[in-house]
Amino acid sequence: MLSLATPVFAYVMSSTSYRMERDSINFGGGLSTSTSYGDESTLGEVGTGSSTSTSYVIQAGYQQMDGSWVSLSVPATASLAPSINIFTGGIASTSVDFSVSTNNGAGYTLQMKSNTNPALKGATFDFYDYTLDSSAPDYAWSVSSTDAEFGFTPEGNDIVARYKDNGASCDQAGGSNNPDTCWDKASTTYMTIAQSAAPNYPATAVTAVKFKAEAGVDSAITVGSYTAEMIVTAYTN
């Protein structure tokens, strides 16, 4: 079973006691209200307004930047299936959709990490994190008969180059998004799995992350329940 958490970050500065979403240098303004309206103003800013080019969009000014946001939607849990027979071994898998929407001119970044090492843990036995043949993800999933391992691969239009392939190898900058390829190991450090350099609102960018657990016929796996907690984060670029 997978348990998923979803923090979303967007701020310009922080300390141990605060986070400031945006800042402004001016000589006046503030919040004014009545029974029929609310007005938040600034006085003294220069160089404000909207500007664009082929590579960026900027909305300059304190009030202009108020509209930038990112949203992330994931299911709370997902179940690996089918159950693995400890005598014959087998594979259990699931696919989880991570949906991101943003109006930010520079797009978004989607990251994921495991809350534990290894990721998929049981009461008396743990699955090892997937073993890679090199620093790049494996093009094809492969687990030896004596091992029990857990890994993942993301699929979608915004996946990063690490998970794209040329039909034989992964981590290809100009590669393709072929299904069931480029398998990776989980990490307790955030790993970027998808990224976009442009807004997608009102549409939603969906990255489907496939998780897989395999126990070889000669592995030491024991009967029990196994759980991985994955933390997923989206933020504006």
Protein backbone atom coordinates (compact mmCIF):
# COMPACT_ATOMS: atom_id res chain seq x y z
CA MET A 1 0.00 0.00 0.00
CA LEU A 2 1.16 3.54 -0.76
CA SER A 3 0.42 6.52 1.46
CA LEU A 4 0.78 9.89 -0.26
CA ALA A 5 1.34 13.37 1.21
CA THR A 6 1.08 16.62 -0.78
CA PRO A 7 2.82 19.81 0.41
CA VAL A 8 2.77 22.78 -1.99
CA PHE A 9 5.38 25.55 -1.70
CA ALA A 10 5.41 29.13 -3.09
CA TYR A 11 7.25 31.91 -1.20
CA VAL A 12 10.08 34.41 -1.70
CA MET A 13 11.83 34.22 1.68
CA SER A 14 11.60 32.36 4.96
CA SER A 15 13.15 31.78 8.38
CA THR A 16 12.53 29.30 11.18
CA SER A 17 9.46 31.30 12.25
CA TYR A 18 7.90 32.74 9.05
CA ARG A 19 7.45 32.49 5.29
CA MET A 20 6.82 35.56 3.12
CA GLU A 21 4.88 34.79 -0.04
CA ARG A 22 5.77 38.10 -1.75
CA ASP A 23 7.36 41.44 -0.87
CA SER A 24 7.11 45.10 -1.97
CA ILE A 25 9.10 48.30 -1.45
CA ASN A 26 6.84 51.38 -1.50
CA PHE A 27 5.86 54.45 0.56
CA GLY A 28 2.15 53.91 1.09
CA GLY A 29 -0.97 51.91 0.58
CA GLY A 30 -2.60 49.10 2.52
CA LEU A 31 -5.89 47.35 3.10
CA SER A 32 -9.14 49.34 3.23
CA THR A 33 -12.60 47.90 3.75
CA SER A 34 -16.22 48.91 4.17
CA THR A 35 -19.49 47.04 4.34
CA SER A 36 -19.58 46.79 0.53
CA TYR A 37 -15.95 46.60 -0.68
CA GLY A 38 -12.35 45.62 0.07
CA ASP A 39 -9.34 47.36 -1.47
CA GLU A 40 -5.63 46.56 -1.12
CA SER A 41 -3.38 49.20 -2.66
CA THR A 42 0.29 50.16 -2.96
CA LEU A 43 1.86 53.58 -3.70
CA GLY A 44 5.33 54.30 -5.04
CA GLU A 45 6.12 51.22 -7.11
CA VAL A 46 7.82 51.72 -10.50
CA GLY A 47 8.27 49.39 -13.46
CA THR A 48 4.92 47.69 -12.98
CA GLY A 49 2.65 46.01 -15.50
CA SER A 50 2.69 42.97 -17.79
CA SER A 51 5.59 42.17 -20.13
CA THR A 52 6.21 39.13 -22.35
CA SER A 53 8.80 37.67 -24.72
CA THR A 54 9.33 34.30 -26.39
CA SER A 55 10.87 32.91 -23.21
CA TYR A 56 9.10 34.61 -20.27
CA VAL A 57 6.00 36.29 -18.92
CA ILE A 58 6.27 38.82 -16.08
CA GLN A 59 3.56 40.61 -14.17
CA ALA A 60 5.56 43.24 -12.30
CA GLY A 61 4.33 44.88 -9.12
CA TYR A 62 3.03 43.75 -5.76
CA GLN A 63 -0.62 43.55 -6.79
CA GLN A 64 0.17 42.07 -10.22
CA MET A 65 1.95 39.06 -8.71
CA ASP A 66 -0.96 38.28 -6.40
CA GLY A 67 -2.53 35.92 -8.94
CA SER A 68 0.26 33.31 -9.31
CA TRP A 69 -0.60 29.89 -7.84
CA VAL A 70 -0.12 26.13 -8.21
CA SER A 71 -2.43 23.28 -7.19
CA LEU A 72 -1.66 19.58 -6.72
CA SER A 73 -4.10 16.71 -6.45
CA VAL A 74 -3.20 13.13 -5.50
CA PRO A 75 -5.14 10.23 -3.95
CA ALA A 76 -4.51 9.62 -0.25
CA THR A 77 -3.66 5.93 -0.75
CA ALA A 78 -3.19 3.32 -3.46
CA SER A 79 -2.95 -0.46 -3.22
CA LEU A 80 -0.40 -2.68 -4.93
CA ALA A 81 -2.02 -5.74 -6.52
CA PRO A 82 -2.21 -8.70 -6.72
CA SER A 83 -0.91 -10.20 -3.49
CA ILE A 84 2.49 -11.86 -3.91
CA ASN A 85 2.78 -15.58 -3.15
CA ILE A 86 5.81 -16.05 -0.88
CA PHE A 87 6.49 -19.54 -2.29
CA THR A 88 6.41 -18.74 -6.00
CA GLY A 89 7.25 -15.03 -5.95
CA GLY A 90 5.54 -12.48 -8.14
CA ILE A 91 4.86 -8.83 -8.97
CA ALA A 92 2.40 -6.34 -7.48
CA SER A 93 1.87 -2.91 -9.03
CA THR A 94 -0.32 0.18 -9.14
CA SER A 95 -0.53 3.51 -10.98
CA VAL A 96 -1.20 6.86 -9.30
CA ASP A 97 -2.15 10.11 -11.07
CA PHE A 98 -0.54 13.33 -9.82
CA SER A 99 -2.48 16.30 -11.25
CA VAL A 100 -0.89 19.77 -11.34
CA SER A 101 -2.43 23.05 -12.46
CA THR A 102 -0.78 26.47 -12.42
CA ASN A 103 -1.21 29.92 -13.93
CA ASN A 104 2.43 30.76 -13.22
CA GLY A 105 4.18 32.13 -16.32
CA ALA A 106 7.30 30.02 -15.65
CA GLY A 107 5.40 26.78 -15.07
CA TYR A 108 5.87 24.27 -12.26
CA THR A 109 8.10 21.52 -10.87
CA LEU A 110 6.80 18.21 -9.47
CA GLN A 111 8.98 16.27 -7.02
CA MET A 112 8.64 13.07 -5.02
CA LYS A 113 10.53 11.36 -2.20
CA SER A 114 10.12 8.43 0.17
CA ASN A 115 9.57 9.03 3.87
CA THR A 116 11.64 5.95 4.80
CA ASN A 117 14.72 4.04 3.67
CA PRO A 118 13.95 1.60 2.16
CA ALA A 119 10.60 2.86 0.89
CA LEU A 120 8.45 -0.31 1.10
CA LYS A 121 8.58 -1.65 4.64
CA GLY A 122 6.93 -4.46 6.59
CA ALA A 123 6.86 -5.57 10.21
CA THR A 124 9.71 -8.10 9.90
CA PHE A 125 10.92 -7.79 6.30
CA ASP A 126 11.50 -4.86 3.93
CA PHE A 127 11.64 -4.70 0.15
CA TYR A 128 14.94 -3.26 -1.05
CA ASP A 129 14.80 -0.10 -3.13
CA TYR A 130 15.14 -1.02 -6.80
CA THR A 131 18.72 -1.82 -7.86
CA LEU A 132 19.92 0.24 -10.84
CA ASP A 133 22.45 -1.01 -13.37
CA SER A 134 23.91 2.52 -13.64
CA SER A 135 23.18 6.06 -12.48
CA ALA A 136 20.34 6.29 -15.02
CA PRO A 137 17.01 4.48 -14.60
CA ASP A 138 16.78 0.97 -16.07
CA TYR A 139 15.05 0.78 -19.43
CA ALA A 140 13.45 -2.57 -18.48
CA TRP A 141 12.39 -3.73 -15.01
CA SER A 142 14.55 -6.60 -13.72
CA VAL A 143 14.81 -8.23 -10.27
CA SER A 144 16.86 -11.34 -9.52
CA SER A 145 15.25 -14.52 -8.13
CA THR A 146 16.86 -13.98 -4.71
CA ASP A 147 15.75 -10.37 -4.19
CA ALA A 148 12.58 -8.46 -3.31
CA GLU A 149 12.60 -4.87 -4.63
CA PHE A 150 10.37 -1.81 -5.02
CA GLY A 151 10.61 0.95 -7.65
CA PHE A 152 8.70 3.39 -9.83
CA THR A 153 8.49 5.13 -13.21
CA PRO A 154 6.60 8.35 -14.12
CA GLU A 155 4.72 8.82 -17.40
CA GLY A 156 3.22 11.98 -18.88
CA ASN A 157 3.87 14.90 -21.21
CA ASP A 158 5.92 16.82 -18.62
CA ILE A 159 8.29 14.10 -17.37
CA VAL A 160 11.93 15.19 -17.13
CA ALA A 161 14.72 13.82 -19.35
CA ARG A 162 15.77 11.25 -16.72
CA TYR A 163 12.65 9.24 -17.51
CA LYS A 164 12.74 9.57 -21.32
CA ASP A 165 14.34 6.91 -23.51
CA ASN A 166 15.61 6.26 -27.02
CA GLY A 167 14.20 2.74 -27.22
CA ALA A 168 17.12 1.19 -25.35
CA SER A 169 18.48 3.62 -22.73
CA CYS A 170 16.98 6.18 -20.35
CA ASP A 171 18.03 9.69 -19.30
CA GLN A 172 17.76 10.94 -22.89
CA ALA A 173 17.17 14.70 -23.30
CA GLY A 174 15.53 14.23 -26.70
CA GLY A 175 13.95 10.90 -25.83
CA SER A 176 10.40 9.60 -25.85
CA ASN A 177 7.83 8.90 -23.15
CA ASN A 178 7.40 5.16 -23.78
CA PRO A 179 5.19 3.22 -21.32
CA ASP A 180 6.65 0.85 -18.71
CA THR A 181 10.23 1.98 -19.24
CA CYS A 182 12.87 3.87 -17.20
CA TRP A 183 12.43 2.30 -13.76
CA ASP A 184 14.00 4.10 -10.82
CA LYS A 185 14.65 3.60 -7.12
CA ALA A 186 12.93 5.65 -4.43
CA SER A 187 14.98 8.11 -2.39
CA THR A 188 14.53 10.07 0.83
CA THR A 189 15.80 13.11 -1.10
CA TYR A 190 13.36 14.90 -3.40
CA MET A 191 13.59 13.72 -7.01
CA THR A 192 12.19 15.87 -9.84
CA ILE A 193 9.85 13.72 -11.93
CA ALA A 194 7.99 16.31 -14.05
CA GLN A 195 8.49 19.93 -15.01
CA SER A 196 6.97 22.55 -17.30
CA ALA A 197 8.21 26.01 -18.29
CA ALA A 198 4.76 27.42 -19.06
CA PRO A 199 1.34 27.77 -17.39
CA ASN A 200 -1.30 25.12 -18.11
CA TYR A 201 -4.41 26.60 -16.43
CA PRO A 202 -7.30 25.95 -16.94
CA ALA A 203 -6.06 22.56 -18.14
CA THR A 204 -4.38 20.08 -15.78
CA ALA A 205 -1.06 18.30 -16.31
CA VAL A 206 -1.30 14.66 -15.22
CA THR A 207 1.79 12.61 -14.39
CA ALA A 208 0.99 8.93 -13.84
CA VAL A 209 3.53 7.30 -11.52
CA LYS A 210 3.66 3.51 -11.73
CA PHE A 211 4.89 1.70 -8.63
CA LYS A 212 6.02 -1.91 -8.73
CA ALA A 213 7.13 -4.47 -6.13
CA GLU A 214 8.61 -7.85 -7.08
CA ALA A 215 9.71 -10.79 -4.93
CA GLY A 216 11.83 -13.48 -6.58
CA VAL A 217 11.01 -17.14 -6.07
CA ASP A 218 14.14 -17.55 -3.90
CA SER A 219 13.77 -14.30 -1.91
CA ALA A 220 13.42 -14.24 1.87
CA ILE A 221 10.06 -12.42 1.77
CA THR A 222 7.65 -13.23 4.61
CA VAL A 223 3.86 -13.09 4.89
CA GLY A 224 2.64 -9.65 5.99
CA SER A 225 1.52 -6.17 4.96
CA TYR A 226 3.98 -3.76 3.37
CA THR A 227 3.60 0.03 3.18
CA ALA A 228 5.49 2.84 1.43
CA GLU A 229 4.87 6.50 2.28
CA MET A 230 5.67 8.83 -0.61
CA ILE A 231 5.72 12.63 -0.25
CA VAL A 232 4.81 14.61 -3.38
CA THR A 233 5.51 18.34 -3.79
CA ALA A 234 4.60 20.84 -6.52
CA TYR A 235 5.90 24.43 -6.68
CA THR A 236 6.02 27.29 -9.15
CA ASN A 237 9.26 27.88 -11.05
